[in-house]
Amino acid sequence: MDRVEAEGLERRVQTALEKNQFRLHYQPQVERRTGRIVGAEALLRWHDAEAGLLAPGYFLPLLESTGLIVPVGEWVLRQAAVDAQRWQRLGFPRMRIAVNLSLEQLTRYVAERREFDTRALRECCDFQFEVPAAELVRAPANVMRVLAALRTEGVDVAMQGFDAAETLCTRLWSLPVDTLKIGRAFIRGMTADPDAEVVVSSMVVLARAFRLGLIADGVERPDQVEMLSRIGCEQMQGLAFSPAVPAARFERLLEGLACRPQPHVQRRLN
């Protein structure tokens, strides 16, 4: 993308924020044994008037490089709170709502002396920030302090894309995290490579040893569901259960109270 294209995209993103063109889609997180929906990951979408529905891979780098990630991130927190409050009023069980948080976003909040307003979310759900593992291990001390403070306020911090690398394992005890989220690359490889299953099994053992929550991401097929269940990973997320869907469709999933494994389907936006 050249400079002219980037500037045009930046103007469109600013307009999207002003005209409420952003949307949240929710992908259920499921307890395998019961099929119960125990949480959801809130995923940002842009309903662009020209291009239709866009996934964040298209516009997220621009948000981070321009600083627009801050107001858009605040919108995500507000909208997730609105949706969670509606589900609570409708009588659905309290559940976990996970929101992605990048190191760039964290760093800008610290530099601008901002505070994450998570109170509304914490009142109606078990709120979780997901931080990419590769970014978390290189986060500066002041960012780590922000994460530690969020945890004292009752916010769960999940390490997204955990891969059991040596650098992560040796530092895991000192990182401000509550939950490990197994990376989808390992989930995809489990059925074809026995070594991948061994690695995922080691992640399950690590999570138990450190008394951390554990969830497998990118679970797409029934055989992956069965393998994960066999090695002791009971919470899962992915197309095997449901793609990310708009809030109204997610509400219908909640009405069913359970989300059972589905036949293999094609990939959707992430």
Protein backbone atom coordinates (compact mmCIF):
# COMPACT_ATOMS: atom_id res chain seq x y z
CA MET A 1 0.00 0.00 0.00
CA ASP A 2 1.53 3.35 -1.05
CA ARG A 3 1.23 6.61 0.87
CA VAL A 4 -1.76 7.90 -1.11
CA GLU A 5 -3.67 4.64 -0.52
CA ALA A 6 -2.76 4.69 3.18
CA GLU A 7 -3.97 8.27 3.57
CA GLY A 8 -7.22 7.42 1.82
CA LEU A 9 -7.72 4.39 4.07
CA GLU A 10 -7.02 6.50 7.15
CA ARG A 11 -9.74 8.97 6.16
CA ARG A 12 -12.16 6.10 5.58
CA VAL A 13 -11.37 4.61 9.00
CA GLN A 14 -11.96 7.97 10.69
CA THR A 15 -15.29 8.23 8.86
CA ALA A 16 -16.15 4.68 9.94
CA LEU A 17 -15.63 5.63 13.57
CA GLU A 18 -17.72 8.78 13.21
CA LYS A 19 -20.55 7.01 11.35
CA ASN A 20 -20.59 3.88 13.53
CA GLN A 21 -19.56 1.50 10.75
CA PHE A 22 -17.61 -0.78 13.08
CA ARG A 23 -19.25 -3.95 14.36
CA LEU A 24 -18.45 -6.63 16.91
CA HIS A 25 -18.86 -10.28 16.02
CA TYR A 26 -18.69 -12.94 18.73
CA GLN A 27 -17.20 -16.42 18.49
CA PRO A 28 -18.37 -18.75 21.26
CA GLN A 29 -15.94 -20.45 23.63
CA VAL A 30 -17.35 -23.84 24.55
CA GLU A 31 -16.94 -26.34 27.35
CA ARG A 32 -16.53 -29.61 25.47
CA ARG A 33 -18.02 -31.94 28.07
CA THR A 34 -21.35 -30.14 28.35
CA GLY A 35 -21.45 -28.10 25.14
CA ARG A 36 -22.13 -25.05 27.33
CA ILE A 37 -21.06 -21.64 26.02
CA VAL A 38 -18.73 -20.32 28.73
CA GLY A 39 -17.49 -17.24 26.91
CA ALA A 40 -17.01 -15.41 23.66
CA GLU A 41 -14.23 -13.58 21.87
CA ALA A 42 -15.30 -10.16 20.60
CA LEU A 43 -13.86 -9.66 17.11
CA LEU A 44 -13.81 -6.31 15.34
CA ARG A 45 -15.34 -5.92 11.88
CA TRP A 46 -15.68 -2.90 9.64
CA HIS A 47 -18.84 -2.64 7.56
CA ASP A 48 -17.41 -0.42 4.85
CA ALA A 49 -19.91 1.21 2.50
CA GLU A 50 -17.65 0.51 -0.50
CA ALA A 51 -16.02 -2.84 0.25
CA GLY A 52 -18.53 -4.54 2.55
CA LEU A 53 -17.51 -6.45 5.67
CA LEU A 54 -13.76 -6.22 6.36
CA ALA A 55 -11.69 -8.22 8.86
CA PRO A 56 -9.10 -6.38 11.03
CA GLY A 57 -6.14 -7.80 9.09
CA TYR A 58 -6.95 -5.20 6.43
CA PHE A 59 -7.12 -2.11 8.62
CA LEU A 60 -5.55 -2.98 12.01
CA PRO A 61 -1.96 -2.07 11.00
CA LEU A 62 -3.22 1.38 10.02
CA LEU A 63 -5.09 1.79 13.32
CA GLU A 64 -1.88 1.00 15.23
CA SER A 65 0.44 3.18 13.14
CA THR A 66 -1.84 6.25 13.30
CA GLY A 67 -2.97 5.95 16.90
CA LEU A 68 -6.59 5.39 15.87
CA ILE A 69 -6.31 2.09 17.75
CA VAL A 70 -6.98 4.07 20.94
CA PRO A 71 -10.46 5.47 20.08
CA VAL A 72 -11.42 2.31 18.21
CA GLY A 73 -10.29 0.20 21.18
CA GLU A 74 -12.41 2.32 23.49
CA TRP A 75 -15.38 1.82 21.17
CA VAL A 76 -14.84 -1.95 21.33
CA LEU A 77 -14.95 -1.88 25.15
CA ARG A 78 -18.12 0.25 25.16
CA GLN A 79 -19.92 -1.90 22.59
CA ALA A 80 -18.94 -5.16 24.27
CA ALA A 81 -20.37 -3.76 27.51
CA VAL A 82 -23.63 -2.80 25.77
CA ASP A 83 -24.00 -6.31 24.33
CA ALA A 84 -23.08 -8.08 27.59
CA GLN A 85 -25.50 -5.91 29.56
CA ARG A 86 -28.31 -6.83 27.14
CA TRP A 87 -27.56 -10.54 27.53
CA GLN A 88 -27.55 -10.15 31.30
CA ARG A 89 -30.93 -8.36 31.22
CA LEU A 90 -32.33 -11.21 29.12
CA GLY A 91 -31.34 -13.63 31.87
CA PHE A 92 -28.47 -15.47 30.21
CA PRO A 93 -25.78 -16.86 32.54
CA ARG A 94 -22.78 -14.69 33.29
CA MET A 95 -19.91 -15.59 30.98
CA ARG A 96 -16.45 -14.53 29.87
CA ILE A 97 -16.05 -11.84 27.19
CA ALA A 98 -12.56 -11.67 25.65
CA VAL A 99 -11.23 -8.61 23.82
CA ASN A 100 -7.96 -8.51 21.89
CA LEU A 101 -5.31 -6.09 23.07
CA SER A 102 -2.08 -5.43 21.17
CA LEU A 103 1.23 -4.27 22.59
CA GLU A 104 0.96 -1.12 20.47
CA GLN A 105 -2.42 -0.33 22.01
CA LEU A 106 -1.10 -0.95 25.52
CA THR A 107 1.98 1.18 24.89
CA ARG A 108 -0.08 4.11 23.61
CA TYR A 109 -2.39 3.95 26.62
CA VAL A 110 0.60 4.08 28.94
CA ALA A 111 2.27 6.91 27.00
CA GLU A 112 -0.94 8.99 27.00
CA ARG A 113 -1.60 8.20 30.67
CA ARG A 114 -4.99 6.78 29.84
CA GLU A 115 -6.88 4.20 31.87
CA PHE A 116 -8.89 1.28 30.57
CA ASP A 117 -12.51 1.77 31.60
CA THR A 118 -13.53 -1.84 32.19
CA ARG A 119 -15.98 -1.22 35.04
CA ALA A 120 -19.14 -1.58 32.91
CA LEU A 121 -17.88 -4.84 31.42
CA ARG A 122 -16.78 -6.27 34.75
CA GLU A 123 -20.24 -5.62 36.20
CA CYS A 124 -21.99 -7.85 33.65
CA CYS A 125 -19.40 -10.43 32.56
CA ASP A 126 -16.07 -12.03 33.40
CA PHE A 127 -13.90 -9.73 31.32
CA GLN A 128 -10.70 -10.87 29.65
CA PHE A 129 -7.96 -9.13 27.67
CA GLU A 130 -6.16 -11.32 25.12
CA VAL A 131 -2.54 -10.30 24.48
CA PRO A 132 -0.42 -12.04 21.80
CA ALA A 133 2.28 -14.22 23.39
CA ALA A 134 5.06 -12.89 21.15
CA GLU A 135 4.22 -9.32 22.19
CA LEU A 136 3.71 -10.09 25.86
CA VAL A 137 7.21 -11.50 26.38
CA ARG A 138 8.80 -8.33 25.00
CA ALA A 139 6.52 -5.82 26.72
CA PRO A 140 8.36 -3.15 28.75
CA ALA A 141 8.07 -2.98 32.52
CA ASN A 142 5.55 -0.11 32.55
CA VAL A 143 3.18 -2.07 30.31
CA MET A 144 3.56 -5.14 32.53
CA ARG A 145 2.57 -2.98 35.51
CA VAL A 146 -0.61 -1.92 33.69
CA LEU A 147 -1.51 -5.56 33.06
CA ALA A 148 -0.78 -6.44 36.68
CA ALA A 149 -3.02 -3.58 37.83
CA LEU A 150 -5.84 -4.74 35.55
CA ARG A 151 -5.62 -8.19 37.13
CA THR A 152 -6.04 -6.71 40.60
CA GLU A 153 -9.25 -5.07 39.31
CA GLY A 154 -10.62 -8.47 38.33
CA VAL A 155 -9.67 -8.47 34.64
CA ASP A 156 -8.42 -11.83 33.35
CA VAL A 157 -5.34 -11.63 31.10
CA ALA A 158 -4.95 -14.36 28.48
CA MET A 159 -1.76 -15.15 26.56
CA GLN A 160 -2.96 -15.58 22.98
CA GLY A 161 -1.15 -17.99 20.67
CA PHE A 162 0.80 -19.76 23.41
CA ASP A 163 3.25 -22.19 21.77
CA ALA A 164 5.32 -23.64 24.63
CA ALA A 165 8.54 -22.08 23.32
CA GLU A 166 11.44 -22.22 25.74
CA THR A 167 11.44 -18.45 26.27
CA LEU A 168 7.77 -18.55 27.29
CA CYS A 169 8.11 -21.58 29.56
CA THR A 170 11.05 -20.13 31.48
CA ARG A 171 9.21 -16.83 32.05
CA LEU A 172 5.68 -18.11 32.48
CA TRP A 173 5.76 -17.97 36.27
CA SER A 174 6.59 -14.24 36.20
CA LEU A 175 4.21 -13.06 33.46
CA PRO A 176 0.93 -11.33 34.47
CA VAL A 177 -1.38 -13.90 32.89
CA ASP A 178 -4.33 -15.99 34.06
CA THR A 179 -5.13 -18.03 30.94
CA LEU A 180 -3.19 -19.72 28.12
CA LYS A 181 -4.73 -19.83 24.66
CA ILE A 182 -3.20 -22.54 22.48
CA GLY A 183 -2.25 -21.26 19.03
CA ARG A 184 -4.27 -22.50 16.07
CA ALA A 185 -1.16 -23.64 14.19
CA PHE A 186 -0.68 -26.44 16.72
CA ILE A 187 -4.36 -27.36 16.59
CA ARG A 188 -4.21 -27.67 12.79
CA GLY A 189 -1.09 -29.86 13.01
CA MET A 190 -2.34 -32.25 15.68
CA THR A 191 -4.09 -34.72 13.38
CA ALA A 192 -1.19 -34.97 10.91
CA ASP A 193 1.87 -34.73 13.17
CA PRO A 194 2.19 -36.77 16.38
CA ASP A 195 4.80 -34.30 17.63
CA ALA A 196 2.22 -31.51 17.52
CA GLU A 197 -0.07 -33.53 19.78
CA VAL A 198 2.82 -34.04 22.21
CA VAL A 199 3.44 -30.27 22.28
CA VAL A 200 -0.24 -29.51 22.92
CA SER A 201 -0.28 -32.13 25.69
CA SER A 202 2.69 -30.36 27.29
CA MET A 203 0.74 -27.08 27.21
CA VAL A 204 -2.11 -28.75 29.08
CA VAL A 205 0.37 -29.96 31.71
CA LEU A 206 1.93 -26.49 32.00
CA ALA A 207 -1.44 -24.81 32.46
CA ARG A 208 -2.32 -27.21 35.26
CA ALA A 209 1.09 -26.82 36.91
CA PHE A 210 0.76 -23.02 36.96
CA ARG A 211 -2.97 -23.17 37.85
CA LEU A 212 -3.91 -21.27 34.70
CA GLY A 213 -7.01 -21.42 32.57
CA LEU A 214 -6.65 -23.07 29.16
CA ILE A 215 -8.51 -22.75 25.88
CA ALA A 216 -7.74 -24.10 22.41
CA ASP A 217 -8.23 -21.67 19.51
CA GLY A 218 -8.90 -22.51 15.87
CA VAL A 219 -10.59 -25.87 16.49
CA GLU A 220 -12.13 -26.65 13.12
CA ARG A 221 -12.90 -30.38 12.94
CA PRO A 222 -14.57 -33.03 15.12
CA ASP A 223 -11.38 -35.12 15.23
CA GLN A 224 -9.52 -32.13 16.71
CA VAL A 225 -12.28 -31.78 19.30
CA GLU A 226 -11.87 -35.42 20.29
CA MET A 227 -8.07 -35.26 20.47
CA LEU A 228 -8.13 -32.14 22.64
CA SER A 229 -10.73 -33.67 24.95
CA ARG A 230 -8.63 -36.82 25.27
CA ILE A 231 -5.54 -34.91 26.42
CA GLY A 232 -7.51 -32.84 28.91
CA CYS A 233 -8.24 -29.54 27.16
CA GLU A 234 -11.93 -28.97 27.77
CA GLN A 235 -12.51 -25.39 26.59
CA MET A 236 -12.38 -24.74 22.85
CA GLN A 237 -13.16 -22.14 20.23
CA GLY A 238 -13.38 -22.40 16.46
CA LEU A 239 -15.37 -23.36 13.40
CA ALA A 240 -16.03 -26.84 14.80
CA PHE A 241 -18.60 -25.07 16.99
CA SER A 242 -19.41 -21.76 15.29
CA PRO A 243 -17.81 -18.97 13.28
CA ALA A 244 -17.76 -15.47 14.70
CA VAL A 245 -21.28 -14.10 14.29
CA PRO A 246 -23.05 -10.75 14.83
CA ALA A 247 -24.42 -10.07 18.30
CA ALA A 248 -28.00 -10.94 17.32
CA ARG A 249 -26.99 -14.37 16.00
CA PHE A 250 -24.80 -15.00 19.03
CA GLU A 251 -27.84 -14.27 21.17
CA ARG A 252 -29.67 -17.07 19.37
CA LEU A 253 -26.78 -19.41 20.18
CA LEU A 254 -27.18 -18.44 23.84
CA GLU A 255 -30.89 -19.21 23.63
CA GLY A 256 -29.93 -22.76 22.70
CA LEU A 257 -27.69 -22.82 25.80
CA ALA A 258 -25.29 -25.24 24.11
CA CYS A 259 -23.00 -25.29 21.10
CA ARG A 260 -22.24 -28.78 19.77
CA PRO A 261 -19.45 -29.69 17.35
CA GLN A 262 -20.49 -29.20 13.72
CA PRO A 263 -19.33 -30.86 10.49
CA HIS A 264 -16.15 -29.40 9.00
CA VAL A 265 -16.81 -26.03 7.34
CA GLN A 266 -14.71 -23.58 5.39
CA ARG A 267 -12.68 -20.87 7.08
CA ARG A 268 -14.28 -17.53 7.83
CA LEU A 269 -12.96 -14.10 8.67
CA ASN A 270 -10.91 -13.83 11.88
